Amino acid sequence: QQGTLPNFCRPVQGTLHQLPVSEKFD
C-alpha cells in the first residue's frame, strides 16, 4: 500500500500445500 513493495506483489496467507495445484510458477 505504501509503495515499498511493487503492486505486482500478491500477499497470500497459508502454506504451499494450500495453494491450488493448478497454479504454476517460473
mmCIF file of all heavy atoms, coordinates in Angstrom:
data_MODEL
# 
_entry.id   MODEL 
# 
loop_
_atom_site.group_PDB 
_atom_site.id 
_atom_site.type_symbol 
_atom_site.label_atom_id 
_atom_site.label_alt_id 
_atom_site.label_comp_id 
_atom_site.label_asym_id 
_atom_site.label_entity_id 
_atom_site.label_seq_id 
_atom_site.pdbx_PDB_ins_code 
_atom_site.Cartn_x 
_atom_site.Cartn_y 
_atom_site.Cartn_z 
_atom_site.occupancy 
_atom_site.B_iso_or_equiv 
_atom_site.pdbx_formal_charge 
_atom_site.auth_seq_id 
_atom_site.auth_comp_id 
_atom_site.auth_asym_id 
_atom_site.auth_atom_id 
_atom_site.pdbx_PDB_model_num 
ATOM 1   N N   . GLN A 1 1  ? 0.824  -1.216  0.000   1.00 0.00 ? 1  GLN A N   1 
ATOM 2   C CA  . GLN A 1 1  ? 0.000  0.000   0.000   1.00 0.00 ? 1  GLN A CA  1 
ATOM 3   C C   . GLN A 1 1  ? 0.860  1.270   0.000   1.00 0.00 ? 1  GLN A C   1 
ATOM 4   O O   . GLN A 1 1  ? 0.519  2.270   -0.626  1.00 0.00 ? 1  GLN A O   1 
ATOM 5   C CB  . GLN A 1 1  ? -0.938 -0.010  1.201   1.00 0.00 ? 1  GLN A CB  1 
ATOM 6   C CG  . GLN A 1 1  ? -1.994 -1.103  1.148   1.00 0.00 ? 1  GLN A CG  1 
ATOM 7   C CD  . GLN A 1 1  ? -2.754 -1.258  2.448   1.00 0.00 ? 1  GLN A CD  1 
ATOM 8   O OE1 . GLN A 1 1  ? -2.563 -0.499  3.397   1.00 0.00 ? 1  GLN A OE1 1 
ATOM 9   N NE2 . GLN A 1 1  ? -3.636 -2.252  2.506   1.00 0.00 ? 1  GLN A NE2 1 
ATOM 10  N N   . GLN A 1 2  ? 2.007  1.205   0.700   1.00 0.00 ? 2  GLN A N   1 
ATOM 11  C CA  . GLN A 1 2  ? 2.891  2.369   0.802   1.00 0.00 ? 2  GLN A CA  1 
ATOM 12  C C   . GLN A 1 2  ? 3.795  2.520   -0.413  1.00 0.00 ? 2  GLN A C   1 
ATOM 13  O O   . GLN A 1 2  ? 4.460  3.545   -0.574  1.00 0.00 ? 2  GLN A O   1 
ATOM 14  C CB  . GLN A 1 2  ? 3.748  2.255   2.064   1.00 0.00 ? 2  GLN A CB  1 
ATOM 15  C CG  . GLN A 1 2  ? 2.961  2.279   3.362   1.00 0.00 ? 2  GLN A CG  1 
ATOM 16  C CD  . GLN A 1 2  ? 3.735  1.705   4.535   1.00 0.00 ? 2  GLN A CD  1 
ATOM 17  O OE1 . GLN A 1 2  ? 4.947  1.473   4.437   1.00 0.00 ? 2  GLN A OE1 1 
ATOM 18  N NE2 . GLN A 1 2  ? 3.066  1.477   5.649   1.00 0.00 ? 2  GLN A NE2 1 
ATOM 19  N N   . GLY A 1 3  ? 3.843  1.489   -1.266  1.00 0.00 ? 3  GLY A N   1 
ATOM 20  C CA  . GLY A 1 3  ? 4.711  1.538   -2.433  1.00 0.00 ? 3  GLY A CA  1 
ATOM 21  C C   . GLY A 1 3  ? 6.122  1.039   -2.164  1.00 0.00 ? 3  GLY A C   1 
ATOM 22  O O   . GLY A 1 3  ? 6.970  1.086   -3.049  1.00 0.00 ? 3  GLY A O   1 
ATOM 23  N N   . THR A 1 4  ? 6.389  0.549   -0.932  1.00 0.00 ? 4  THR A N   1 
ATOM 24  C CA  . THR A 1 4  ? 7.704  -0.035  -0.628  1.00 0.00 ? 4  THR A CA  1 
ATOM 25  C C   . THR A 1 4  ? 7.905  -1.324  -1.395  1.00 0.00 ? 4  THR A C   1 
ATOM 26  O O   . THR A 1 4  ? 9.026  -1.643  -1.816  1.00 0.00 ? 4  THR A O   1 
ATOM 27  C CB  . THR A 1 4  ? 7.827  -0.299  0.886   1.00 0.00 ? 4  THR A CB  1 
ATOM 28  O OG1 . THR A 1 4  ? 7.529  0.898   1.603   1.00 0.00 ? 4  THR A OG1 1 
ATOM 29  C CG2 . THR A 1 4  ? 9.224  -0.760  1.250   1.00 0.00 ? 4  THR A CG2 1 
ATOM 30  N N   . LEU A 1 5  ? 6.837  -2.075  -1.584  1.00 0.00 ? 5  LEU A N   1 
ATOM 31  C CA  . LEU A 1 5  ? 6.840  -3.263  -2.438  1.00 0.00 ? 5  LEU A CA  1 
ATOM 32  C C   . LEU A 1 5  ? 6.015  -2.962  -3.685  1.00 0.00 ? 5  LEU A C   1 
ATOM 33  O O   . LEU A 1 5  ? 5.002  -2.258  -3.613  1.00 0.00 ? 5  LEU A O   1 
ATOM 34  C CB  . LEU A 1 5  ? 6.247  -4.470  -1.698  1.00 0.00 ? 5  LEU A CB  1 
ATOM 35  C CG  . LEU A 1 5  ? 7.080  -5.060  -0.564  1.00 0.00 ? 5  LEU A CG  1 
ATOM 36  C CD1 . LEU A 1 5  ? 6.321  -6.190  0.130   1.00 0.00 ? 5  LEU A CD1 1 
ATOM 37  C CD2 . LEU A 1 5  ? 8.416  -5.578  -1.074  1.00 0.00 ? 5  LEU A CD2 1 
ATOM 38  N N   . PRO A 1 6  ? 6.416  -3.502  -4.839  1.00 0.00 ? 6  PRO A N   1 
ATOM 39  C CA  . PRO A 1 6  ? 5.680  -3.222  -6.079  1.00 0.00 ? 6  PRO A CA  1 
ATOM 40  C C   . PRO A 1 6  ? 4.269  -3.797  -6.054  1.00 0.00 ? 6  PRO A C   1 
ATOM 41  O O   . PRO A 1 6  ? 3.994  -4.768  -5.336  1.00 0.00 ? 6  PRO A O   1 
ATOM 42  C CB  . PRO A 1 6  ? 6.549  -3.891  -7.159  1.00 0.00 ? 6  PRO A CB  1 
ATOM 43  C CG  . PRO A 1 6  ? 7.440  -4.835  -6.435  1.00 0.00 ? 6  PRO A CG  1 
ATOM 44  C CD  . PRO A 1 6  ? 7.635  -4.309  -5.065  1.00 0.00 ? 6  PRO A CD  1 
ATOM 45  N N   . ASN A 1 7  ? 3.385  -3.210  -6.837  1.00 0.00 ? 7  ASN A N   1 
ATOM 46  C CA  . ASN A 1 7  ? 1.985  -3.621  -6.795  1.00 0.00 ? 7  ASN A CA  1 
ATOM 47  C C   . ASN A 1 7  ? 1.717  -4.951  -7.486  1.00 0.00 ? 7  ASN A C   1 
ATOM 48  O O   . ASN A 1 7  ? 0.591  -5.448  -7.450  1.00 0.00 ? 7  ASN A O   1 
ATOM 49  C CB  . ASN A 1 7  ? 1.076  -2.531  -7.398  1.00 0.00 ? 7  ASN A CB  1 
ATOM 50  C CG  . ASN A 1 7  ? 1.448  -2.164  -8.824  1.00 0.00 ? 7  ASN A CG  1 
ATOM 51  O OD1 . ASN A 1 7  ? 2.185  -2.888  -9.475  1.00 0.00 ? 7  ASN A OD1 1 
ATOM 52  N ND2 . ASN A 1 7  ? 0.943  -1.033  -9.301  1.00 0.00 ? 7  ASN A ND2 1 
ATOM 53  N N   . PHE A 1 8  ? 2.741  -5.547  -8.118  1.00 0.00 ? 8  PHE A N   1 
ATOM 54  C CA  . PHE A 1 8  ? 2.534  -6.895  -8.643  1.00 0.00 ? 8  PHE A CA  1 
ATOM 55  C C   . PHE A 1 8  ? 2.736  -7.965  -7.562  1.00 0.00 ? 8  PHE A C   1 
ATOM 56  O O   . PHE A 1 8  ? 2.578  -9.158  -7.826  1.00 0.00 ? 8  PHE A O   1 
ATOM 57  C CB  . PHE A 1 8  ? 3.430  -7.184  -9.858  1.00 0.00 ? 8  PHE A CB  1 
ATOM 58  C CG  . PHE A 1 8  ? 4.907  -6.998  -9.626  1.00 0.00 ? 8  PHE A CG  1 
ATOM 59  C CD1 . PHE A 1 8  ? 5.626  -7.858  -8.818  1.00 0.00 ? 8  PHE A CD1 1 
ATOM 60  C CD2 . PHE A 1 8  ? 5.582  -5.965  -10.251 1.00 0.00 ? 8  PHE A CD2 1 
ATOM 61  C CE1 . PHE A 1 8  ? 6.996  -7.701  -8.621  1.00 0.00 ? 8  PHE A CE1 1 
ATOM 62  C CE2 . PHE A 1 8  ? 6.953  -5.791  -10.065 1.00 0.00 ? 8  PHE A CE2 1 
ATOM 63  C CZ  . PHE A 1 8  ? 7.653  -6.660  -9.247  1.00 0.00 ? 8  PHE A CZ  1 
ATOM 64  N N   . CYS A 1 9  ? 3.080  -7.546  -6.346  1.00 0.00 ? 9  CYS A N   1 
ATOM 65  C CA  . CYS A 1 9  ? 3.175  -8.481  -5.234  1.00 0.00 ? 9  CYS A CA  1 
ATOM 66  C C   . CYS A 1 9  ? 1.772  -8.831  -4.733  1.00 0.00 ? 9  CYS A C   1 
ATOM 67  O O   . CYS A 1 9  ? 0.925  -7.946  -4.571  1.00 0.00 ? 9  CYS A O   1 
ATOM 68  C CB  . CYS A 1 9  ? 3.989  -7.885  -4.089  1.00 0.00 ? 9  CYS A CB  1 
ATOM 69  S SG  . CYS A 1 9  ? 5.755  -7.745  -4.444  1.00 0.00 ? 9  CYS A SG  1 
ATOM 70  N N   . ARG A 1 10 ? 1.524  -10.115 -4.519  1.00 0.00 ? 10 ARG A N   1 
ATOM 71  C CA  . ARG A 1 10 ? 0.209  -10.572 -4.059  1.00 0.00 ? 10 ARG A CA  1 
ATOM 72  C C   . ARG A 1 10 ? 0.369  -11.327 -2.747  1.00 0.00 ? 10 ARG A C   1 
ATOM 73  O O   . ARG A 1 10 ? 0.897  -12.434 -2.721  1.00 0.00 ? 10 ARG A O   1 
ATOM 74  C CB  . ARG A 1 10 ? -0.448 -11.469 -5.111  1.00 0.00 ? 10 ARG A CB  1 
ATOM 75  C CG  . ARG A 1 10 ? -1.767 -12.093 -4.667  1.00 0.00 ? 10 ARG A CG  1 
ATOM 76  C CD  . ARG A 1 10 ? -2.561 -12.600 -5.863  1.00 0.00 ? 10 ARG A CD  1 
ATOM 77  N NE  . ARG A 1 10 ? -1.922 -13.695 -6.563  1.00 0.00 ? 10 ARG A NE  1 
ATOM 78  C CZ  . ARG A 1 10 ? -2.175 -14.994 -6.345  1.00 0.00 ? 10 ARG A CZ  1 
ATOM 79  N NH1 . ARG A 1 10 ? -3.049 -15.343 -5.409  1.00 0.00 ? 10 ARG A NH1 1 
ATOM 80  N NH2 . ARG A 1 10 ? -1.559 -15.919 -7.044  1.00 0.00 ? 10 ARG A NH2 1 
ATOM 81  N N   . PRO A 1 11 ? -0.053 -10.740 -1.617  1.00 0.00 ? 11 PRO A N   1 
ATOM 82  C CA  . PRO A 1 11 ? 0.067  -11.419 -0.335  1.00 0.00 ? 11 PRO A CA  1 
ATOM 83  C C   . PRO A 1 11 ? -0.995 -12.513 -0.186  1.00 0.00 ? 11 PRO A C   1 
ATOM 84  O O   . PRO A 1 11 ? -2.178 -12.288 -0.477  1.00 0.00 ? 11 PRO A O   1 
ATOM 85  C CB  . PRO A 1 11 ? -0.162 -10.301 0.683   1.00 0.00 ? 11 PRO A CB  1 
ATOM 86  C CG  . PRO A 1 11 ? -0.977 -9.276  -0.039  1.00 0.00 ? 11 PRO A CG  1 
ATOM 87  C CD  . PRO A 1 11 ? -0.600 -9.375  -1.480  1.00 0.00 ? 11 PRO A CD  1 
ATOM 88  N N   . VAL A 1 12 ? -0.568 -13.707 0.237   1.00 0.00 ? 12 VAL A N   1 
ATOM 89  C CA  . VAL A 1 12 ? -1.475 -14.835 0.426   1.00 0.00 ? 12 VAL A CA  1 
ATOM 90  C C   . VAL A 1 12 ? -1.148 -15.491 1.754   1.00 0.00 ? 12 VAL A C   1 
ATOM 91  O O   . VAL A 1 12 ? 0.014  -15.826 2.018   1.00 0.00 ? 12 VAL A O   1 
ATOM 92  C CB  . VAL A 1 12 ? -1.337 -15.867 -0.720  1.00 0.00 ? 12 VAL A CB  1 
ATOM 93  C CG1 . VAL A 1 12 ? -2.217 -17.085 -0.448  1.00 0.00 ? 12 VAL A CG1 1 
ATOM 94  C CG2 . VAL A 1 12 ? -1.688 -15.241 -2.065  1.00 0.00 ? 12 VAL A CG2 1 
ATOM 95  N N   . GLN A 1 13 ? -2.152 -15.680 2.585   1.00 0.00 ? 13 GLN A N   1 
ATOM 96  C CA  . GLN A 1 13 ? -1.925 -16.367 3.851   1.00 0.00 ? 13 GLN A CA  1 
ATOM 97  C C   . GLN A 1 13 ? -2.062 -17.871 3.650   1.00 0.00 ? 13 GLN A C   1 
ATOM 98  O O   . GLN A 1 13 ? -3.042 -18.353 3.080   1.00 0.00 ? 13 GLN A O   1 
ATOM 99  C CB  . GLN A 1 13 ? -2.914 -15.922 4.927   1.00 0.00 ? 13 GLN A CB  1 
ATOM 100 C CG  . GLN A 1 13 ? -2.589 -16.545 6.296   1.00 0.00 ? 13 GLN A CG  1 
ATOM 101 C CD  . GLN A 1 13 ? -3.549 -16.115 7.388   1.00 0.00 ? 13 GLN A CD  1 
ATOM 102 O OE1 . GLN A 1 13 ? -4.487 -15.366 7.133   1.00 0.00 ? 13 GLN A OE1 1 
ATOM 103 N NE2 . GLN A 1 13 ? -3.313 -16.587 8.602   1.00 0.00 ? 13 GLN A NE2 1 
ATOM 104 N N   . GLY A 1 14 ? -1.073 -18.621 4.124   1.00 0.00 ? 14 GLY A N   1 
ATOM 105 C CA  . GLY A 1 14 ? -1.151 -20.069 4.020   1.00 0.00 ? 14 GLY A CA  1 
ATOM 106 C C   . GLY A 1 14 ? 0.208  -20.702 3.781   1.00 0.00 ? 14 GLY A C   1 
ATOM 107 O O   . GLY A 1 14 ? 1.258  -20.064 3.923   1.00 0.00 ? 14 GLY A O   1 
ATOM 108 N N   . THR A 1 15 ? 0.178  -21.973 3.403   1.00 0.00 ? 15 THR A N   1 
ATOM 109 C CA  . THR A 1 15 ? 1.381  -22.741 3.101   1.00 0.00 ? 15 THR A CA  1 
ATOM 110 C C   . THR A 1 15 ? 1.288  -23.249 1.671   1.00 0.00 ? 15 THR A C   1 
ATOM 111 O O   . THR A 1 15 ? 0.239  -23.143 1.015   1.00 0.00 ? 15 THR A O   1 
ATOM 112 C CB  . THR A 1 15 ? 1.538  -23.927 4.062   1.00 0.00 ? 15 THR A CB  1 
ATOM 113 O OG1 . THR A 1 15 ? 0.433  -24.835 3.867   1.00 0.00 ? 15 THR A OG1 1 
ATOM 114 C CG2 . THR A 1 15 ? 1.548  -23.460 5.517   1.00 0.00 ? 15 THR A CG2 1 
ATOM 115 N N   . LEU A 1 16 ? 2.365  -23.830 1.195   1.00 0.00 ? 16 LEU A N   1 
ATOM 116 C CA  . LEU A 1 16 ? 2.416  -24.316 -0.185  1.00 0.00 ? 16 LEU A CA  1 
ATOM 117 C C   . LEU A 1 16 ? 1.312  -25.322 -0.465  1.00 0.00 ? 16 LEU A C   1 
ATOM 118 O O   . LEU A 1 16 ? 0.682  -25.297 -1.523  1.00 0.00 ? 16 LEU A O   1 
ATOM 119 C CB  . LEU A 1 16 ? 3.784  -24.939 -0.458  1.00 0.00 ? 16 LEU A CB  1 
ATOM 120 C CG  . LEU A 1 16 ? 3.996  -25.517 -1.851  1.00 0.00 ? 16 LEU A CG  1 
ATOM 121 C CD1 . LEU A 1 16 ? 4.029  -24.409 -2.891  1.00 0.00 ? 16 LEU A CD1 1 
ATOM 122 C CD2 . LEU A 1 16 ? 5.288  -26.320 -1.903  1.00 0.00 ? 16 LEU A CD2 1 
ATOM 123 N N   . HIS A 1 17 ? 1.045  -26.213 0.495   1.00 0.00 ? 17 HIS A N   1 
ATOM 124 C CA  . HIS A 1 17 ? 0.062  -27.270 0.280   1.00 0.00 ? 17 HIS A CA  1 
ATOM 125 C C   . HIS A 1 17 ? -1.358 -26.727 0.153   1.00 0.00 ? 17 HIS A C   1 
ATOM 126 O O   . HIS A 1 17 ? -2.253 -27.439 -0.307  1.00 0.00 ? 17 HIS A O   1 
ATOM 127 C CB  . HIS A 1 17 ? 0.138  -28.288 1.426   1.00 0.00 ? 17 HIS A CB  1 
ATOM 128 C CG  . HIS A 1 17 ? 1.406  -29.075 1.442   1.00 0.00 ? 17 HIS A CG  1 
ATOM 129 N ND1 . HIS A 1 17 ? 2.592  -28.555 1.924   1.00 0.00 ? 17 HIS A ND1 1 
ATOM 130 C CD2 . HIS A 1 17 ? 1.688  -30.330 1.025   1.00 0.00 ? 17 HIS A CD2 1 
ATOM 131 C CE1 . HIS A 1 17 ? 3.549  -29.473 1.809   1.00 0.00 ? 17 HIS A CE1 1 
ATOM 132 N NE2 . HIS A 1 17 ? 3.026  -30.554 1.271   1.00 0.00 ? 17 HIS A NE2 1 
ATOM 133 N N   . GLN A 1 18 ? -1.560 -25.476 0.555   1.00 0.00 ? 18 GLN A N   1 
ATOM 134 C CA  . GLN A 1 18 ? -2.899 -24.892 0.491   1.00 0.00 ? 18 GLN A CA  1 
ATOM 135 C C   . GLN A 1 18 ? -3.140 -24.079 -0.781  1.00 0.00 ? 18 GLN A C   1 
ATOM 136 O O   . GLN A 1 18 ? -4.256 -23.618 -1.008  1.00 0.00 ? 18 GLN A O   1 
ATOM 137 C CB  . GLN A 1 18 ? -3.133 -24.021 1.729   1.00 0.00 ? 18 GLN A CB  1 
ATOM 138 C CG  . GLN A 1 18 ? -3.195 -24.843 3.008   1.00 0.00 ? 18 GLN A CG  1 
ATOM 139 C CD  . GLN A 1 18 ? -3.003 -24.005 4.255   1.00 0.00 ? 18 GLN A CD  1 
ATOM 140 O OE1 . GLN A 1 18 ? -2.257 -23.027 4.253   1.00 0.00 ? 18 GLN A OE1 1 
ATOM 141 N NE2 . GLN A 1 18 ? -3.672 -24.392 5.334   1.00 0.00 ? 18 GLN A NE2 1 
ATOM 142 N N   . LEU A 1 19 ? -2.118 -23.936 -1.609  1.00 0.00 ? 19 LEU A N   1 
ATOM 143 C CA  . LEU A 1 19 ? -2.293 -23.254 -2.887  1.00 0.00 ? 19 LEU A CA  1 
ATOM 144 C C   . LEU A 1 19 ? -2.950 -24.192 -3.896  1.00 0.00 ? 19 LEU A C   1 
ATOM 145 O O   . LEU A 1 19 ? -2.748 -25.410 -3.833  1.00 0.00 ? 19 LEU A O   1 
ATOM 146 C CB  . LEU A 1 19 ? -0.947 -22.787 -3.442  1.00 0.00 ? 19 LEU A CB  1 
ATOM 147 C CG  . LEU A 1 19 ? -0.263 -21.601 -2.767  1.00 0.00 ? 19 LEU A CG  1 
ATOM 148 C CD1 . LEU A 1 19 ? 1.047  -21.303 -3.485  1.00 0.00 ? 19 LEU A CD1 1 
ATOM 149 C CD2 . LEU A 1 19 ? -1.146 -20.370 -2.750  1.00 0.00 ? 19 LEU A CD2 1 
ATOM 150 N N   . PRO A 1 20 ? -3.726 -23.647 -4.835  1.00 0.00 ? 20 PRO A N   1 
ATOM 151 C CA  . PRO A 1 20 ? -4.316 -24.503 -5.876  1.00 0.00 ? 20 PRO A CA  1 
ATOM 152 C C   . PRO A 1 20 ? -3.239 -25.254 -6.647  1.00 0.00 ? 20 PRO A C   1 
ATOM 153 O O   . PRO A 1 20 ? -2.217 -24.679 -7.030  1.00 0.00 ? 20 PRO A O   1 
ATOM 154 C CB  . PRO A 1 20 ? -5.044 -23.495 -6.778  1.00 0.00 ? 20 PRO A CB  1 
ATOM 155 C CG  . PRO A 1 20 ? -5.301 -22.305 -5.913  1.00 0.00 ? 20 PRO A CG  1 
ATOM 156 C CD  . PRO A 1 20 ? -4.138 -22.237 -4.965  1.00 0.00 ? 20 PRO A CD  1 
ATOM 157 N N   . VAL A 1 21 ? -3.466 -26.537 -6.862  1.00 0.00 ? 21 VAL A N   1 
ATOM 158 C CA  . VAL A 1 21 ? -2.489 -27.367 -7.571  1.00 0.00 ? 21 VAL A CA  1 
ATOM 159 C C   . VAL A 1 21 ? -2.269 -26.863 -8.991  1.00 0.00 ? 21 VAL A C   1 
ATOM 160 O O   . VAL A 1 21 ? -1.187 -27.014 -9.564  1.00 0.00 ? 21 VAL A O   1 
ATOM 161 C CB  . VAL A 1 21 ? -2.961 -28.838 -7.585  1.00 0.00 ? 21 VAL A CB  1 
ATOM 162 C CG1 . VAL A 1 21 ? -1.986 -29.709 -8.376  1.00 0.00 ? 21 VAL A CG1 1 
ATOM 163 C CG2 . VAL A 1 21 ? -3.102 -29.362 -6.167  1.00 0.00 ? 21 VAL A CG2 1 
ATOM 164 N N   . SER A 1 22 ? -3.301 -26.244 -9.554  1.00 0.00 ? 22 SER A N   1 
ATOM 165 C CA  . SER A 1 22 ? -3.220 -25.774 -10.944 1.00 0.00 ? 22 SER A CA  1 
ATOM 166 C C   . SER A 1 22 ? -2.323 -24.553 -11.111 1.00 0.00 ? 22 SER A C   1 
ATOM 167 O O   . SER A 1 22 ? -1.922 -24.228 -12.235 1.00 0.00 ? 22 SER A O   1 
ATOM 168 C CB  . SER A 1 22 ? -4.624 -25.429 -11.457 1.00 0.00 ? 22 SER A CB  1 
ATOM 169 O OG  . SER A 1 22 ? -5.217 -24.432 -10.637 1.00 0.00 ? 22 SER A OG  1 
ATOM 170 N N   . GLU A 1 23 ? -1.985 -23.860 -10.010 1.00 0.00 ? 23 GLU A N   1 
ATOM 171 C CA  . GLU A 1 23 ? -1.182 -22.638 -10.118 1.00 0.00 ? 23 GLU A CA  1 
ATOM 172 C C   . GLU A 1 23 ? 0.302  -22.986 -10.265 1.00 0.00 ? 23 GLU A C   1 
ATOM 173 O O   . GLU A 1 23 ? 0.880  -23.669 -9.419  1.00 0.00 ? 23 GLU A O   1 
ATOM 174 C CB  . GLU A 1 23 ? -1.396 -21.748 -8.893  1.00 0.00 ? 23 GLU A CB  1 
ATOM 175 C CG  . GLU A 1 23 ? -0.858 -20.339 -9.078  1.00 0.00 ? 23 GLU A CG  1 
ATOM 176 C CD  . GLU A 1 23 ? -1.408 -19.355 -8.063  1.00 0.00 ? 23 GLU A CD  1 
ATOM 177 O OE1 . GLU A 1 23 ? -2.049 -19.778 -7.096  1.00 0.00 ? 23 GLU A OE1 1 
ATOM 178 O OE2 . GLU A 1 23 ? -1.164 -18.147 -8.252  1.00 0.00 ? 23 GLU A OE2 1 
ATOM 179 N N   . LYS A 1 24 ? 0.915  -22.521 -11.344 1.00 0.00 ? 24 LYS A N   1 
ATOM 180 C CA  . LYS A 1 24 ? 2.312  -22.838 -11.642 1.00 0.00 ? 24 LYS A CA  1 
ATOM 181 C C   . LYS A 1 24 ? 3.157  -21.571 -11.610 1.00 0.00 ? 24 LYS A C   1 
ATOM 182 O O   . LYS A 1 24 ? 2.677  -20.464 -11.880 1.00 0.00 ? 24 LYS A O   1 
ATOM 183 C CB  . LYS A 1 24 ? 2.435  -23.492 -13.025 1.00 0.00 ? 24 LYS A CB  1 
ATOM 184 C CG  . LYS A 1 24 ? 1.557  -24.715 -13.218 1.00 0.00 ? 24 LYS A CG  1 
ATOM 185 C CD  . LYS A 1 24 ? 1.947  -25.863 -12.299 1.00 0.00 ? 24 LYS A CD  1 
ATOM 186 C CE  . LYS A 1 24 ? 1.083  -27.094 -12.578 1.00 0.00 ? 24 LYS A CE  1 
ATOM 187 N NZ  . LYS A 1 24 ? 1.394  -28.211 -11.656 1.00 0.00 ? 24 LYS A NZ  1 
ATOM 188 N N   . PHE A 1 25 ? 4.465  -21.743 -11.319 1.00 0.00 ? 25 PHE A N   1 
ATOM 189 C CA  . PHE A 1 25 ? 5.373  -20.611 -11.152 1.00 0.00 ? 25 PHE A CA  1 
ATOM 190 C C   . PHE A 1 25 ? 6.663  -20.843 -11.931 1.00 0.00 ? 25 PHE A C   1 
ATOM 191 O O   . PHE A 1 25 ? 7.112  -21.974 -12.097 1.00 0.00 ? 25 PHE A O   1 
ATOM 192 C CB  . PHE A 1 25 ? 5.689  -20.400 -9.674  1.00 0.00 ? 25 PHE A CB  1 
ATOM 193 C CG  . PHE A 1 25 ? 4.483  -20.124 -8.829  1.00 0.00 ? 25 PHE A CG  1 
ATOM 194 C CD1 . PHE A 1 25 ? 3.789  -21.158 -8.232  1.00 0.00 ? 25 PHE A CD1 1 
ATOM 195 C CD2 . PHE A 1 25 ? 4.027  -18.819 -8.645  1.00 0.00 ? 25 PHE A CD2 1 
ATOM 196 C CE1 . PHE A 1 25 ? 2.656  -20.910 -7.455  1.00 0.00 ? 25 PHE A CE1 1 
ATOM 197 C CE2 . PHE A 1 25 ? 2.903  -18.559 -7.879  1.00 0.00 ? 25 PHE A CE2 1 
ATOM 198 C CZ  . PHE A 1 25 ? 2.209  -19.607 -7.288  1.00 0.00 ? 25 PHE A CZ  1 
ATOM 199 N N   . ASP A 1 26 ? 7.269  -19.736 -12.364 1.00 0.00 ? 26 ASP A N   1 
ATOM 200 C CA  . ASP A 1 26 ? 8.581  -19.803 -13.016 1.00 0.00 ? 26 ASP A CA  1 
ATOM 201 C C   . ASP A 1 26 ? 9.698  -19.975 -11.999 1.00 0.00 ? 26 ASP A C   1 
ATOM 202 O O   . ASP A 1 26 ? 10.743 -20.559 -12.311 1.00 0.00 ? 26 ASP A O   1 
ATOM 203 C CB  . ASP A 1 26 ? 8.829  -18.528 -13.833 1.00 0.00 ? 26 ASP A CB  1 
ATOM 204 C CG  . ASP A 1 26 ? 7.784  -18.320 -14.916 1.00 0.00 ? 26 ASP A CG  1 
ATOM 205 O OD1 . ASP A 1 26 ? 7.500  -19.285 -15.654 1.00 0.00 ? 26 ASP A OD1 1 
ATOM 206 O OD2 . ASP A 1 26 ? 7.223  -17.209 -15.007 1.00 0.00 ? 26 ASP A OD2 1 
# 
